[in-house]
Amino acid sequence: MKLDTTTFVLLRRLAPALDDVLNAGEVEHADQAMGLASLGQLCAQLFDAYHCRHPDDIAQARLDALESQ
């Protein structure tokens, strides 16, 4: 699924928040927490859009994840 330019730019803008948290091993300030919340919302929207277009692929991925547990 190709990302539109706006979504791509937003992901690029939010990525440093995740990188900071991964490097520090903790959420150090409110700006990072807000960035993570925004990133989570965007990721959920992208998942929903992908799921609408490829429901069988998502169903199979879910089954595969359950089997690997």
C-alpha atoms as a PDB file:
ATOM      1  CA  MET A   1       0.000   0.000   0.000  1.00  0.00           C
ATOM      2  CA  LYS A   2       1.590   3.228  -1.149  1.00  0.00           C
ATOM      3  CA  LEU A   3       1.532   6.087   1.335  1.00  0.00           C
ATOM      4  CA  ASP A   4       0.290   9.481   0.275  1.00  0.00           C
ATOM      5  CA  THR A   5       2.753  12.335   0.626  1.00  0.00           C
ATOM      6  CA  THR A   6       1.044  13.841   3.676  1.00  0.00           C
ATOM      7  CA  THR A   7       1.097  10.546   5.577  1.00  0.00           C
ATOM      8  CA  PHE A   8       4.711   9.903   4.625  1.00  0.00           C
ATOM      9  CA  VAL A   9       5.788  13.352   5.821  1.00  0.00           C
ATOM     10  CA  LEU A  10       3.871  12.900   9.074  1.00  0.00           C
ATOM     11  CA  LEU A  11       5.541   9.531   9.700  1.00  0.00           C
ATOM     12  CA  ARG A  12       8.939  11.129   9.082  1.00  0.00           C
ATOM     13  CA  ARG A  13       8.104  13.919  11.538  1.00  0.00           C
ATOM     14  CA  LEU A  14       6.941  11.489  14.235  1.00  0.00           C
ATOM     15  CA  ALA A  15       9.703   8.879  13.819  1.00  0.00           C
ATOM     16  CA  PRO A  16      12.255  10.746  15.972  1.00  0.00           C
ATOM     17  CA  ALA A  17       9.961  10.421  19.017  1.00  0.00           C
ATOM     18  CA  LEU A  18      10.114   6.630  18.743  1.00  0.00           C
ATOM     19  CA  ASP A  19      13.844   6.721  18.071  1.00  0.00           C
ATOM     20  CA  ASP A  20      14.445   8.867  21.176  1.00  0.00           C
ATOM     21  CA  VAL A  21      12.464   6.480  23.381  1.00  0.00           C
ATOM     22  CA  LEU A  22      14.211   3.422  21.970  1.00  0.00           C
ATOM     23  CA  ASN A  23      17.628   4.991  22.509  1.00  0.00           C
ATOM     24  CA  ALA A  24      16.872   6.157  26.060  1.00  0.00           C
ATOM     25  CA  GLY A  25      14.884   3.103  27.105  1.00  0.00           C
ATOM     26  CA  GLU A  26      12.270   5.396  28.622  1.00  0.00           C
ATOM     27  CA  VAL A  27       9.879   8.221  27.886  1.00  0.00           C
ATOM     28  CA  GLU A  28      11.729  11.222  29.229  1.00  0.00           C
ATOM     29  CA  HIS A  29       9.287  14.080  28.631  1.00  0.00           C
ATOM     30  CA  ALA A  30       5.768  14.998  27.605  1.00  0.00           C
ATOM     31  CA  ASP A  31       6.735  15.862  24.019  1.00  0.00           C
ATOM     32  CA  GLN A  32       7.911  12.285  23.493  1.00  0.00           C
ATOM     33  CA  ALA A  33       4.702  10.909  24.980  1.00  0.00           C
ATOM     34  CA  MET A  34       2.624  13.123  22.701  1.00  0.00           C
ATOM     35  CA  GLY A  35       4.685  12.048  19.691  1.00  0.00           C
ATOM     36  CA  LEU A  36       4.170   8.404  20.579  1.00  0.00           C
ATOM     37  CA  ALA A  37       0.413   8.931  20.930  1.00  0.00           C
ATOM     38  CA  SER A  38       0.253  10.619  17.522  1.00  0.00           C
ATOM     39  CA  LEU A  39       2.360   7.873  15.983  1.00  0.00           C
ATOM     40  CA  GLY A  40       0.082   5.230  17.497  1.00  0.00           C
ATOM     41  CA  GLN A  41      -3.008   6.899  16.054  1.00  0.00           C
ATOM     42  CA  LEU A  42      -1.418   7.168  12.624  1.00  0.00           C
ATOM     43  CA  CYS A  43      -0.301   3.529  12.723  1.00  0.00           C
ATOM     44  CA  ALA A  44      -3.848   2.458  13.646  1.00  0.00           C
ATOM     45  CA  GLN A  45      -5.231   4.444  10.707  1.00  0.00           C
ATOM     46  CA  LEU A  46      -2.712   2.855   8.349  1.00  0.00           C
ATOM     47  CA  PHE A  47      -3.577  -0.609   9.659  1.00  0.00           C
ATOM     48  CA  ASP A  48      -7.301   0.035   9.156  1.00  0.00           C
ATOM     49  CA  ALA A  49      -6.717   1.221   5.590  1.00  0.00           C
ATOM     50  CA  TYR A  50      -4.532  -1.794   4.807  1.00  0.00           C
ATOM     51  CA  HIS A  51      -7.046  -4.149   6.429  1.00  0.00           C
ATOM     52  CA  CYS A  52      -9.862  -2.750   4.261  1.00  0.00           C
ATOM     53  CA  ARG A  53      -7.834  -3.458   1.130  1.00  0.00           C
ATOM     54  CA  HIS A  54      -6.317  -6.782   2.173  1.00  0.00           C
ATOM     55  CA  PRO A  55      -8.583  -8.485   4.738  1.00  0.00           C
ATOM     56  CA  ASP A  56      -7.452 -12.000   3.784  1.00  0.00           C
ATOM     57  CA  ASP A  57      -3.787 -11.110   4.261  1.00  0.00           C
ATOM     58  CA  ILE A  58      -4.526  -9.683   7.717  1.00  0.00           C
ATOM     59  CA  ALA A  59      -6.542 -12.758   8.670  1.00  0.00           C
ATOM     60  CA  GLN A  60      -3.667 -15.005   7.616  1.00  0.00           C
ATOM     61  CA  ALA A  61      -1.109 -12.882   9.462  1.00  0.00           C
ATOM     62  CA  ARG A  62      -3.238 -13.127  12.617  1.00  0.00           C
ATOM     63  CA  LEU A  63      -3.451 -16.906  12.273  1.00  0.00           C
ATOM     64  CA  ASP A  64       0.289 -17.126  11.712  1.00  0.00           C
ATOM     65  CA  ALA A  65       0.940 -15.015  14.820  1.00  0.00           C
ATOM     66  CA  LEU A  66      -1.307 -17.251  16.935  1.00  0.00           C
ATOM     67  CA  GLU A  67       0.401 -20.389  15.656  1.00  0.00           C
ATOM     68  CA  SER A  68       3.848 -19.029  16.469  1.00  0.00           C
ATOM     69  CA  GLN A  69       2.975 -18.394  20.128  1.00  0.00           C
END
